[in-house]
Protein backbone atom coordinates (compact mmCIF):
# COMPACT_ATOMS: atom_id res chain seq x y z
CA MET A 1 -0.05 -0.08 0.03
CA THR A 2 1.54 3.53 -0.84
CA THR A 3 1.53 6.56 1.20
CA PRO A 4 -1.72 9.21 0.66
CA GLN A 5 -1.09 12.31 -1.03
CA GLN A 6 2.77 10.83 -2.69
CA PRO A 7 3.62 13.68 -5.03
CA GLY A 8 3.91 13.41 -8.85
CA PRO A 9 1.47 10.62 -10.05
CA PRO A 10 2.14 9.72 -13.42
CA PRO A 11 -0.64 11.07 -15.73
CA PRO A 12 -4.41 9.31 -16.11
CA THR A 13 -3.88 6.50 -18.20
CA HIS A 14 -6.50 3.26 -18.99
CA GLY A 15 -5.32 -0.21 -18.54
CA PRO A 16 -6.22 -3.35 -19.70
CA TYR A 17 -9.18 -4.08 -17.49
CA GLY A 18 -11.06 -0.19 -18.40
CA ARG A 19 -10.42 2.14 -16.22
CA LEU A 20 -7.93 1.15 -13.36
CA ASN A 21 -7.41 2.64 -9.50
CA PRO A 22 -4.23 2.90 -7.93
CA TYR A 23 -3.62 2.07 -4.45
CA GLY A 24 -2.78 5.62 -4.27
CA GLY A 25 -1.08 6.62 -7.27
CA GLY A 26 -0.57 5.88 -11.09
CA GLN A 27 -3.26 4.50 -13.21
CA PRO A 28 -6.90 5.40 -12.25
CA GLY A 29 -9.93 3.57 -12.37
CA PRO A 30 -12.81 1.86 -10.37
CA TYR A 31 -10.36 1.84 -7.31
CA GLY A 32 -9.71 5.82 -6.75
CA PRO A 33 -7.52 7.50 -4.39
CA PRO A 34 -7.22 6.31 -0.83
CA PRO A 35 -9.06 7.82 1.68
CA SER A 36 -7.18 11.15 3.23
CA PRO A 37 -5.77 11.04 6.65
CA THR A 38 -8.17 12.97 8.35
CA GLN A 39 -11.11 10.46 7.10
CA GLU A 40 -12.97 8.67 9.96
CA GLN A 41 -11.35 5.38 10.13
CA PRO A 42 -13.05 2.25 11.22
CA PRO A 43 -12.85 1.70 14.91
CA THR A 44 -9.84 -0.87 16.37
CA GLN A 45 -9.67 -2.93 19.07
CA PRO A 46 -9.26 -0.59 22.40
CA GLN A 47 -5.57 -0.93 23.33
CA PRO A 48 -3.65 -0.98 27.01
CA PRO A 49 -1.88 2.05 28.61
CA GLY A 50 2.07 1.50 28.25
CA GLY A 51 4.27 -0.05 30.55
CA ARG A 52 4.03 -3.58 32.25
CA GLY A 53 1.15 -5.66 30.54
CA ARG A 54 2.43 -8.75 29.53
CA ARG A 55 1.81 -7.68 25.88
CA THR A 56 2.91 -4.26 25.12
CA THR A 57 0.60 -1.46 23.39
CA ALA A 58 3.10 -1.57 21.19
CA VAL A 59 2.74 -5.46 19.59
CA ILE A 60 -1.22 -4.60 20.08
CA ALA A 61 -1.43 -1.49 17.68
CA ALA A 62 0.90 -3.94 15.47
CA VAL A 63 -1.32 -6.95 15.47
CA VAL A 64 -4.59 -4.61 15.03
CA ALA A 65 -3.61 -2.59 12.19
CA ALA A 66 -2.49 -5.56 10.65
CA LEU A 67 -6.27 -7.06 11.31
CA LEU A 68 -7.67 -4.19 9.44
CA ALA A 69 -4.85 -3.76 6.80
CA VAL A 70 -5.90 -4.69 2.92
CA GLY A 71 -3.03 -5.82 1.39
CA GLY A 72 -1.97 -8.15 -1.85
CA VAL A 73 -0.06 -11.21 -1.88
CA THR A 74 3.88 -10.71 -1.72
CA TRP A 75 5.80 -12.39 -4.44
CA TYR A 76 9.22 -13.29 -3.98
CA ALA A 77 11.63 -14.17 -7.58
CA LEU A 78 13.21 -17.17 -6.78
CA GLY A 79 16.85 -18.05 -9.04
CA GLY A 80 19.19 -20.78 -8.83
CA SER A 81 18.69 -24.48 -9.32
CA ASP A 82 15.73 -26.21 -7.64
CA GLY A 83 17.27 -28.63 -6.05
CA ARG A 84 14.04 -30.77 -6.31
CA LYS A 85 13.83 -34.18 -4.37
CA ASP A 86 11.45 -36.88 -5.36
CA ASP A 87 9.34 -37.11 -2.31
CA LYS A 88 6.18 -37.37 -3.75
CA LYS A 89 4.58 -39.99 -0.99
CA ALA A 90 5.18 -39.58 2.74
CA SER A 91 6.59 -42.71 4.56
CA PRO A 92 4.41 -43.93 7.07
CA SER A 93 7.53 -43.73 9.22
CA GLY A 94 7.85 -40.01 8.63
CA SER A 95 4.14 -38.89 9.34
CA PRO A 96 3.52 -37.18 12.13
CA ALA A 97 1.68 -38.92 14.98
CA PRO A 98 -2.26 -38.24 14.62
CA THR A 99 -3.53 -35.12 16.89
CA LYS A 100 -5.15 -36.37 19.97
CA SER A 101 -8.21 -35.04 20.52
CA THR A 102 -11.34 -35.19 22.50
CA ALA A 103 -14.73 -34.54 20.88
CA LYS A 104 -16.45 -33.66 24.44
CA PRO A 105 -16.43 -30.41 25.67
CA SER A 106 -13.81 -30.20 28.61
CA GLY A 107 -16.29 -27.71 30.70
CA PRO A 108 -16.53 -24.66 28.80
CA PRO A 109 -18.10 -22.19 30.25
CA ALA A 110 -22.04 -21.11 29.36
CA PRO A 111 -22.78 -18.65 26.69
CA ASP A 112 -22.37 -14.80 28.82
CA ALA A 113 -26.42 -14.75 29.80
CA ALA A 114 -25.54 -11.31 31.67
CA ALA A 115 -24.46 -9.74 28.52
CA ALA A 116 -27.35 -10.59 26.25
CA ALA A 117 -29.22 -9.47 28.83
CA ARG A 118 -27.16 -6.02 29.40
CA TYR A 119 -27.79 -5.65 25.40
CA ASN A 120 -31.41 -6.12 25.42
CA ALA A 121 -32.22 -3.94 27.97
CA GLY A 122 -34.26 -0.89 26.51
CA ARG A 123 -34.65 -2.59 23.19
CA ALA A 124 -36.93 -0.58 20.82
CA PRO A 125 -39.64 -1.73 18.65
CA GLY A 126 -38.51 -3.52 16.05
CA ASP A 127 -35.36 -4.14 17.27
CA ALA A 128 -33.47 -7.92 17.17
CA SER A 129 -32.34 -9.30 20.46
CA VAL A 130 -29.43 -10.81 21.57
CA LEU A 131 -30.04 -14.18 21.26
CA TRP A 132 -26.43 -15.62 22.85
CA VAL A 133 -22.60 -14.28 23.74
CA ARG A 134 -19.40 -15.94 24.19
CA LYS A 135 -16.47 -14.69 25.80
CA ASN A 136 -13.04 -16.24 25.26
CA ASP A 137 -12.09 -19.22 27.12
CA ILE A 138 -8.80 -20.22 25.43
CA ASP A 139 -5.60 -19.07 26.93
CA VAL A 140 -3.76 -17.68 23.61
CA PRO A 141 0.24 -16.77 23.19
CA GLN A 142 1.53 -13.20 24.52
CA LEU A 143 1.06 -11.78 20.44
CA GLY A 144 -2.79 -12.95 20.96
CA GLY A 145 -4.57 -15.30 18.75
CA PHE A 146 -5.90 -15.02 15.55
CA VAL A 147 -9.28 -16.68 14.91
CA PHE A 148 -10.19 -18.91 11.70
CA GLY A 149 -13.34 -19.95 10.26
CA PRO A 150 -16.36 -19.46 10.69
CA TRP A 151 -17.65 -22.63 8.87
CA HIS A 152 -21.21 -23.56 8.67
CA VAL A 153 -21.38 -27.36 9.23
CA GLY A 154 -25.13 -28.07 10.09
CA ASP A 155 -26.49 -27.00 13.31
CA VAL A 156 -23.01 -25.40 14.57
CA VAL A 157 -20.71 -22.47 13.62
CA VAL A 158 -17.20 -23.74 13.87
CA THR A 159 -14.31 -21.53 14.93
CA ALA A 160 -10.16 -22.66 15.12
CA MET A 161 -8.18 -20.34 17.83
CA TYR A 162 -4.48 -21.55 18.62
CA ARG A 163 -4.59 -25.16 19.72
CA THR A 164 -8.63 -25.58 19.43
CA VAL A 165 -11.41 -26.27 17.49
CA THR A 166 -14.24 -25.15 18.65
CA ALA A 167 -17.99 -25.79 17.43
CA HIS A 168 -20.88 -23.41 19.07
CA SER A 169 -24.31 -24.46 18.54
CA VAL A 170 -25.94 -21.67 15.98
CA LYS A 171 -29.60 -21.66 18.15
CA ASP A 172 -28.16 -21.00 21.66
CA GLY A 173 -24.53 -20.98 21.62
CA THR A 174 -22.74 -23.41 23.94
CA VAL A 175 -20.39 -25.15 22.93
CA LYS A 176 -21.08 -28.68 21.13
CA TRP A 177 -17.76 -30.03 20.73
CA ARG A 178 -14.05 -28.90 20.98
CA LEU A 179 -10.82 -30.52 20.12
CA THR A 180 -7.37 -29.65 21.52
CA LEU A 181 -4.59 -29.57 18.81
CA ASP A 182 -0.99 -31.07 19.56
CA THR A 183 0.37 -27.74 17.76
CA GLU A 184 -0.90 -24.68 17.19
CA VAL A 185 -2.34 -23.57 13.78
CA CYS A 186 -1.27 -21.81 11.47
CA LYS A 187 -3.94 -21.26 8.16
CA ALA A 188 -7.04 -22.82 7.16
CA PRO A 189 -8.93 -22.82 4.30
CA HIS A 190 -11.94 -20.34 3.13
CA LEU A 191 -14.40 -23.30 3.30
CA PRO A 192 -14.97 -26.57 3.89
CA SER A 193 -15.56 -29.33 1.83
CA GLU A 194 -19.30 -30.24 1.20
CA ASP A 195 -19.30 -33.01 3.74
CA GLY A 196 -18.16 -30.83 6.39
CA LYS A 197 -14.02 -32.00 6.41
CA ILE A 198 -11.10 -29.63 6.33
CA ALA A 199 -7.52 -30.00 6.48
CA LEU A 200 -5.82 -27.16 8.55
CA ALA A 201 -2.17 -26.58 8.85
CA LEU A 202 -0.47 -26.69 11.77
CA LYS A 203 3.11 -25.78 13.41
CA ASP A 204 5.35 -28.47 13.07
CA ARG A 205 6.51 -28.03 16.64
CA LEU A 206 4.79 -25.93 19.98
CA HIS A 207 5.55 -22.77 21.05
CA ALA A 208 8.11 -22.75 18.25
CA GLU A 209 8.07 -18.66 17.28
CA THR A 210 10.14 -18.95 14.02
CA ASP A 211 8.98 -22.93 13.12
CA GLU A 212 7.59 -23.83 9.66
CA CYS A 213 4.03 -24.88 9.58
CA ARG A 214 4.18 -28.17 7.62
CA ARG A 215 1.76 -30.46 8.78
CA LEU A 216 -1.61 -30.70 7.48
CA GLN A 217 -4.41 -32.08 9.90
CA MET A 218 -8.27 -33.16 8.96
CA VAL A 219 -10.59 -32.48 10.81
CA ASP A 220 -14.49 -33.89 10.44
CA LEU A 221 -16.27 -30.69 11.35
CA ARG A 222 -19.87 -32.98 11.61
CA ALA A 223 -18.29 -35.66 13.44
CA GLY A 224 -15.67 -33.17 15.73
CA LYS A 225 -13.04 -35.45 15.12
CA VAL A 226 -9.82 -35.63 14.10
CA GLY A 227 -8.42 -37.91 10.89
CA TRP A 228 -5.14 -38.19 8.89
CA GLN A 229 -2.21 -36.11 9.13
CA GLN A 230 -0.12 -35.15 6.87
CA LYS A 231 3.65 -33.78 6.78
CA VAL A 232 4.21 -31.33 3.93
CA ALA A 233 7.69 -32.38 2.70
CA LYS A 234 10.00 -29.68 1.63
CA GLU A 235 10.69 -30.55 -2.43
CA GLY A 236 13.70 -28.23 -3.10
CA ASP A 237 16.37 -25.56 -1.66
CA PHE A 238 14.00 -22.42 -2.89
CA ASP A 239 10.67 -24.50 -1.08
CA PHE A 240 10.29 -21.97 1.58
CA MET A 241 6.98 -21.46 3.96
CA SER A 242 6.28 -18.04 2.96
CA ASP A 243 2.80 -16.79 1.80
CA TYR A 244 2.03 -20.49 1.58
CA SER A 245 -2.32 -20.80 1.52
CA ILE A 246 -4.64 -23.83 1.91
CA ALA A 247 -7.73 -24.17 -0.61
CA MET A 248 -10.38 -26.90 -1.33
CA SER A 249 -12.21 -28.27 -4.21
CA GLY A 250 -14.12 -31.60 -4.17
CA GLY A 251 -12.13 -33.79 -2.77
CA THR A 252 -8.30 -32.42 -2.92
CA VAL A 253 -6.62 -30.26 -0.69
CA THR A 254 -4.23 -27.80 -1.78
CA PHE A 255 -1.08 -26.42 -0.11
CA GLY A 256 -0.08 -23.40 -2.30
CA ARG A 257 3.17 -21.77 -1.73
CA HIS A 258 5.75 -20.02 -4.26
CA GLY A 259 7.09 -22.74 -6.83
CA TYR A 260 6.20 -26.27 -5.48
CA SER A 261 2.38 -26.28 -4.60
CA THR A 262 0.91 -29.93 -3.67
CA GLY A 263 -2.63 -31.50 -3.40
CA TYR A 264 -3.61 -34.01 -1.66
CA ARG A 265 -6.79 -36.37 -1.26
CA LEU A 266 -8.79 -35.60 1.93
CA SER A 267 -10.24 -38.69 2.35
CA ASP A 268 -6.67 -39.91 3.36
CA GLY A 269 -4.08 -37.54 3.02
CA LYS A 270 -2.43 -39.33 0.06
CA GLN A 271 -0.42 -36.98 -2.00
CA LEU A 272 -2.17 -36.42 -5.38
CA PHE A 273 0.08 -33.73 -7.25
CA GLY A 274 2.80 -31.51 -6.85
CA ARG A 275 5.12 -29.38 -8.68
CA TRP A 276 4.56 -28.98 -12.30
CA ASP A 277 7.04 -31.23 -14.69
CA LYS A 278 8.65 -29.67 -17.46
CA SER A 279 6.99 -26.03 -16.96
CA GLU A 280 8.64 -22.74 -15.90
CA CYS A 281 5.12 -21.73 -14.78
CA GLN A 282 4.34 -22.51 -11.25
CA PRO A 283 1.12 -22.18 -9.68
CA TYR A 284 1.60 -20.21 -5.92
CA ALA A 285 -1.59 -20.21 -4.72
CA TYR A 286 -5.24 -21.92 -5.20
CA ALA A 287 -8.80 -20.89 -4.74
CA GLY A 288 -11.50 -23.45 -3.80
CA GLY A 289 -14.88 -24.73 -3.90
CA PRO A 290 -17.24 -25.48 -6.69
CA LYS A 291 -14.05 -25.67 -9.06
CA LEU A 292 -9.88 -25.60 -8.40
CA VAL A 293 -8.64 -22.03 -9.91
CA ALA A 294 -4.99 -21.59 -9.54
CA ALA A 295 -2.38 -18.30 -10.02
CA VAL A 296 0.67 -19.22 -11.37
CA SER A 297 3.71 -17.47 -11.71
CA CYS A 298 5.98 -17.30 -14.63
CA PRO A 299 9.92 -16.18 -14.67
CA THR A 300 10.93 -12.84 -15.62
CA SER A 301 14.13 -11.09 -16.27
CA ASP A 302 12.34 -7.99 -14.06
CA ALA A 303 11.09 -8.91 -10.77
CA GLU A 304 8.89 -5.81 -11.03
CA LYS A 305 7.26 -6.84 -14.08
CA PRO A 306 5.96 -10.34 -13.16
CA GLN A 307 3.78 -12.53 -15.80
CA GLU A 308 1.18 -14.56 -14.27
CA GLU A 309 -1.26 -16.70 -15.19
CA ILE A 310 -4.79 -18.08 -14.52
CA HIS A 311 -5.39 -21.64 -14.89
CA GLU A 312 -8.08 -23.53 -13.96
CA VAL A 313 -6.80 -27.31 -12.97
CA ASP A 314 -7.75 -31.20 -12.65
CA PRO A 315 -8.48 -31.33 -8.60
CA VAL A 316 -7.02 -34.87 -9.40
CA THR A 317 -4.16 -34.80 -11.16
CA GLY A 318 -3.31 -30.77 -10.68
CA LYS A 319 -3.31 -30.69 -14.58
CA SER A 320 -4.24 -27.45 -16.32
CA ARG A 321 -7.57 -27.24 -17.93
CA TRP A 322 -6.77 -23.93 -19.70
CA LYS A 323 -5.17 -20.42 -19.00
CA TYR A 324 -4.96 -16.76 -19.19
CA ARG A 325 -2.32 -14.84 -18.89
CA LEU A 326 -2.13 -11.32 -17.39
CA PRO A 327 -0.93 -8.42 -18.94
CA VAL A 328 2.55 -8.03 -18.00
CA GLY A 329 3.03 -6.60 -14.64
CA TYR A 330 -0.09 -7.91 -13.05
CA ARG A 331 -0.10 -10.12 -10.29
CA VAL A 332 -3.33 -11.98 -9.19
CA ASP A 333 -4.70 -10.73 -6.04
CA HIS A 334 -7.77 -12.15 -4.88
CA VAL A 335 -10.21 -14.55 -6.50
CA LEU A 336 -13.01 -12.42 -5.65
CA SER A 337 -15.53 -14.93 -7.09
CA VAL A 338 -14.89 -18.87 -8.35
CA ARG A 339 -17.95 -19.67 -10.39
CA PRO A 340 -18.38 -17.19 -11.87
CA LEU A 341 -14.92 -16.58 -12.07
CA VAL A 342 -13.79 -12.91 -10.98
CA VAL A 343 -10.61 -12.59 -10.25
CA SER A 344 -8.89 -8.99 -9.24
CA ALA A 345 -5.45 -7.81 -10.21
CA THR A 346 -2.64 -5.39 -9.08
CA TYR A 347 0.06 -3.65 -11.15
CA ARG A 348 1.92 -3.01 -7.86
CA ALA A 349 5.03 -0.86 -9.51
CA GLN A 350 2.53 1.48 -11.08
CA GLY A 351 -0.16 1.27 -8.75
CA GLY A 352 -2.56 -0.14 -10.82
CA HIS A 353 -5.75 -2.27 -9.99
CA GLY A 354 -8.15 -4.23 -12.47
CA ILE A 355 -10.73 -6.58 -12.02
CA VAL A 356 -11.41 -9.40 -14.93
CA VAL A 357 -14.27 -12.01 -15.56
CA LEU A 358 -13.54 -15.02 -17.41
CA ASN A 359 -15.76 -18.07 -18.51
CA GLU A 360 -15.93 -20.91 -17.77
CA ASP A 361 -13.41 -22.08 -20.79
CA GLY A 362 -10.81 -19.63 -19.59
CA THR A 363 -12.01 -16.55 -21.96
CA LYS A 364 -12.26 -13.31 -21.08
CA ARG A 365 -15.93 -12.64 -20.68
CA THR A 366 -15.06 -8.78 -19.72
CA SER A 367 -13.46 -6.93 -16.97
CA LEU A 368 -15.38 -4.46 -14.16
CA LYS A 369 -15.86 -0.32 -15.36
CA GLY A 370 -16.39 2.25 -12.98
CA ASP A 371 -15.40 5.21 -11.36
CA GLY A 372 -15.18 6.07 -7.83
CA GLN A 373 -13.33 4.13 -4.79
CA TYR A 374 -14.26 0.34 -4.06
CA ALA A 375 -12.94 -1.98 -1.14
CA GLU A 376 -13.12 -5.48 -1.99
CA GLY A 377 -13.24 -6.24 2.02
CA CYS A 378 -10.46 -9.07 1.80
CA ALA A 379 -9.65 -10.53 5.16
CA ASP A 380 -6.42 -9.76 7.04
CA GLU A 381 -2.85 -10.07 5.11
CA SER A 382 -1.11 -11.10 8.54
CA THR A 383 -2.63 -13.80 9.35
CA HIS A 384 -4.06 -15.04 5.56
CA ASP A 385 -1.46 -13.96 3.52
CA GLY A 386 -1.23 -16.22 0.50
CA ASN A 387 -5.03 -16.62 0.87
CA LEU A 388 -6.90 -15.72 -2.74
CA GLN A 389 -10.19 -15.88 -1.13
CA ARG A 390 -11.83 -14.19 2.01
CA CYS A 391 -13.12 -11.35 0.59
CA GLN A 392 -16.45 -9.48 0.80
CA VAL A 393 -17.73 -9.77 -2.65
CA VAL A 394 -20.78 -11.74 -3.86
CA ALA A 395 -21.51 -12.85 -7.32
CA ASP A 396 -24.39 -13.98 -9.21
CA GLY A 397 -24.83 -15.82 -12.87
CA THR A 398 -25.44 -12.36 -14.19
CA THR A 399 -24.05 -9.61 -11.15
CA VAL A 400 -21.25 -8.62 -8.86
CA TYR A 401 -21.59 -7.38 -6.23
CA MET A 402 -19.45 -4.55 -4.65
CA ALA A 403 -18.86 -2.33 -1.83
CA THR A 404 -17.45 1.66 -2.19
CA ALA A 405 -14.95 3.00 0.21
CA GLY A 406 -15.50 5.96 2.03
CA ALA A 407 -17.99 5.58 5.14
CA SER A 408 -17.68 7.47 7.92
CA LYS A 409 -20.04 8.83 10.64
CA ASP A 410 -21.61 11.14 8.27
CA LYS A 411 -21.40 9.69 5.32
CA ALA A 412 -22.91 6.24 3.77
CA ASN A 413 -20.83 4.18 1.62
CA GLU A 414 -22.63 2.11 -1.84
CA ILE A 415 -22.59 -1.45 -2.87
CA VAL A 416 -22.46 -1.54 -6.70
CA ALA A 417 -23.68 -3.78 -9.10
CA PHE A 418 -21.50 -4.70 -12.11
CA ASP A 419 -23.07 -6.88 -15.21
CA LEU A 420 -21.17 -9.88 -15.72
CA GLY A 421 -21.80 -9.16 -19.64
CA THR A 422 -20.84 -5.91 -20.26
CA GLY A 423 -18.88 -5.15 -16.72
CA LYS A 424 -20.70 -1.92 -17.00
CA VAL A 425 -22.33 -0.50 -13.47
CA VAL A 426 -26.14 -1.09 -13.29
CA ARG A 427 -27.20 -0.61 -9.97
CA ARG A 428 -26.47 1.12 -7.31
CA ILE A 429 -27.57 0.54 -3.26
CA PRO A 430 -26.84 3.28 -0.89
CA GLY A 431 -26.20 2.36 2.52
CA MET A 432 -26.32 4.08 5.45
CA PRO A 433 -24.51 6.97 7.91
CA GLY A 434 -21.99 5.64 10.22
CA ARG A 435 -22.23 2.05 8.92
CA THR A 436 -20.37 0.77 6.34
CA ALA A 437 -22.47 -1.53 3.75
CA TRP A 438 -21.09 -4.88 2.63
CA PRO A 439 -22.54 -7.57 -0.05
CA LEU A 440 -22.71 -10.79 2.34
CA ARG A 441 -24.53 -13.21 0.33
CA MET A 442 -27.06 -14.40 -1.55
CA GLU A 443 -30.39 -15.68 -0.54
CA GLY A 444 -33.39 -17.15 -2.78
CA GLY A 445 -32.30 -14.45 -5.71
CA SER A 446 -31.56 -11.59 -3.37
CA LEU A 447 -28.78 -9.94 -1.95
CA VAL A 448 -28.37 -9.79 1.62
CA VAL A 449 -26.66 -6.91 2.81
CA ARG A 450 -24.23 -6.62 6.31
CA MET A 451 -24.82 -2.98 7.41
CA ALA A 452 -21.55 -3.15 9.84
CA ALA A 453 -21.37 -0.61 12.97
CA LEU A 454 -18.67 1.87 12.96
CA LEU A 455 -18.89 3.01 16.17
CA ASP A 456 -22.37 3.63 18.39
CA GLU A 457 -24.52 3.53 15.45
CA PRO A 458 -26.18 -0.58 15.83
CA GLY A 459 -25.53 -2.11 12.35
CA SER A 460 -28.36 -4.05 10.75
CA LEU A 461 -29.08 -6.69 8.03
CA ALA A 462 -30.99 -5.49 5.00
CA THR A 463 -32.26 -7.98 1.89
CA VAL A 464 -32.21 -5.83 -1.71
CA ALA A 465 -34.96 -7.76 -4.05
CA PRO A 466 -33.52 -8.71 -8.13
CA GLY A 467 -33.49 -5.57 -9.92
CA ALA A 468 -34.11 -2.96 -7.01
CA THR A 469 -31.98 -0.18 -5.47
CA LYS A 470 -33.28 -0.04 -1.86
CA ALA A 471 -32.46 -2.19 0.89
CA VAL A 472 -35.37 -4.02 2.74
CA GLU A 473 -34.18 -3.80 7.02
CA LEU A 474 -34.25 -7.55 7.47
CA LEU A 475 -32.79 -7.38 11.11
CA ARG A 476 -31.38 -4.39 13.26
CA VAL A 477 -29.38 -4.23 15.86
CA PRO A 478 -30.16 -3.52 19.63
CA ARG A 479 -28.80 0.11 20.21
CA ALA A 480 -27.12 -1.12 23.72
CA ALA A 481 -25.35 -3.59 21.70
CA GLY A 482 -23.84 -0.63 19.34
CA ARG A 483 -20.51 -0.35 20.10
CA ALA A 484 -19.46 -4.15 20.81
CA GLU A 485 -20.63 -4.78 17.41
CA SER A 486 -18.64 -1.87 16.21
CA ARG A 487 -15.37 -4.05 17.34
CA TYR A 488 -16.89 -6.72 14.73
CA TYR A 489 -16.31 -4.39 12.02
CA ALA A 490 -13.32 -6.01 10.43
CA SER A 491 -14.70 -9.33 11.05
CA PRO A 492 -16.38 -12.06 9.62
CA ALA A 493 -20.13 -12.35 10.00
CA LEU A 494 -22.81 -15.57 9.54
CA TYR A 495 -26.35 -15.34 8.13
CA VAL A 496 -27.71 -18.64 9.62
CA ASP A 497 -31.50 -20.02 9.50
CA GLY A 498 -32.49 -16.20 10.57
CA ARG A 499 -29.14 -15.59 12.97
CA TYR A 500 -27.16 -13.16 12.12
CA ILE A 501 -23.53 -14.12 13.94
CA LEU A 502 -20.55 -11.56 14.57
CA VAL A 503 -17.18 -13.62 14.61
CA GLN A 504 -13.76 -12.05 16.14
CA SER A 505 -11.01 -12.18 14.40
CA LEU A 506 -8.39 -11.48 16.87
CA ILE A 507 -7.97 -11.97 20.43
CA VAL A 508 -5.59 -10.30 22.43
CA GLY A 509 -5.50 -9.03 26.05
CA THR A 510 -2.93 -7.94 28.50
CA THR A 511 -3.48 -10.22 30.93
CA ASP A 512 -5.10 -13.21 30.85
CA ASP A 513 -8.23 -11.63 33.29
CA GLU A 514 -8.64 -9.39 30.07
CA GLU A 515 -8.40 -12.13 27.63
CA ARG A 516 -11.03 -14.33 29.07
CA GLU A 517 -13.66 -10.70 29.54
CA LYS A 518 -13.24 -10.53 25.43
CA GLU A 519 -15.86 -11.22 23.33
CA THR A 520 -15.76 -13.51 20.72
CA LEU A 521 -19.41 -14.39 19.43
CA MET A 522 -22.58 -12.40 19.32
CA ALA A 523 -25.34 -13.63 17.61
CA PHE A 524 -28.46 -11.92 16.53
CA GLY A 525 -32.29 -12.74 15.96
CA LYS A 526 -36.03 -12.11 16.04
């Protein structure tokens, strides 16, 4: 990200994706300039006073700043010979022992009924109820614990943090099961498989600050049980664990990293594919879901002018089905939607940014065209670096919905609908001052919109009918819960079975007691 108000930006030009936007200078387009330093920013977590806490103010400020930052995938140029080893299969003796866990709760506390009652006090007519609130009951490391998920499976919402995986009842917030892993979680996929299985990346050793995360642990989120565990073998001298990520499609889980990405069978952990043979271009990250999409890097003589491609790959063999080559200098930033395939790309050397829509066969369908400053709302890069997904953008067969930036106490942002056939703006849906409007999901042909609280103004959920430009309120958060809700501003949200569930992304405190006072989940409903 560049610093706002840098002197001497180059004159406006048009790029390969229509009108492009810099993150602070260069080619203009749908992303516009960054906000002014004086513009009101989203709230951050409260910071403790300086001095003697077991976590310093500087550390917490850095972690929270990273949580709210939006960046792209960092690219490292790898040189020299690859020195690969033929290590396709992990021997039984080389595989780590399975995690020892139990699916029965070992006494987690009940949801905080007092907090729910406090937030419900003085509810106005039409306000939703705070159905349940959960406080943290997991002791996390000194730098805090990032929360992975949430994953909705059956009647539970599952999250992972530090060494635990916990299933919370959607209905009342009680802990249905909890697994204690033998080392801490490093990364997790955006979504589990259709049958509720997921693979998590774990640290090689417990409490090893600089240790790599080469252990894959399968967890059955429906049964609350651990399955196989596999060690991701180092395949060459330059097989570094930088910007690695996990994605899942069908029965395959991919472990993406620069130059040596690997695919495993979800049912038993068997390696299905690895580095592409006889190809200078190599996948470094994948996006999963209804199909498996790879971001691929090709070698160039100039690190400032990378050459990248987008491929759909066979989830069983890892072989490419088709490819789309980006213009020189552009790097894959995020996959905003897998089907339809919508990809954002950045030209960081010049500050360019664009969004391209591809057909099922990989040919270009269109690029999004619009003026203004847009926000993809992608997840924290300090925890999810390398992850191509986790953005607050929604698409159906004909339209992609994206929020504009710039919401503040006195100013509403918008959700803009782009036609996937032409790339043009076809609708604008206004938000509300004091909230940020985000597209959340599609339901029955209508768009569900999250009006996230910025400060004390309570947020809400709304729906937008097909073709409409006005959001109709579906659920309103009680005013007494507005400040608490604003602490979830940059965190994931779910709308499940008529319940609006917020999940905190980071748990950190200056003491253990302060950690235990942190609210981790809130649920609202009628």
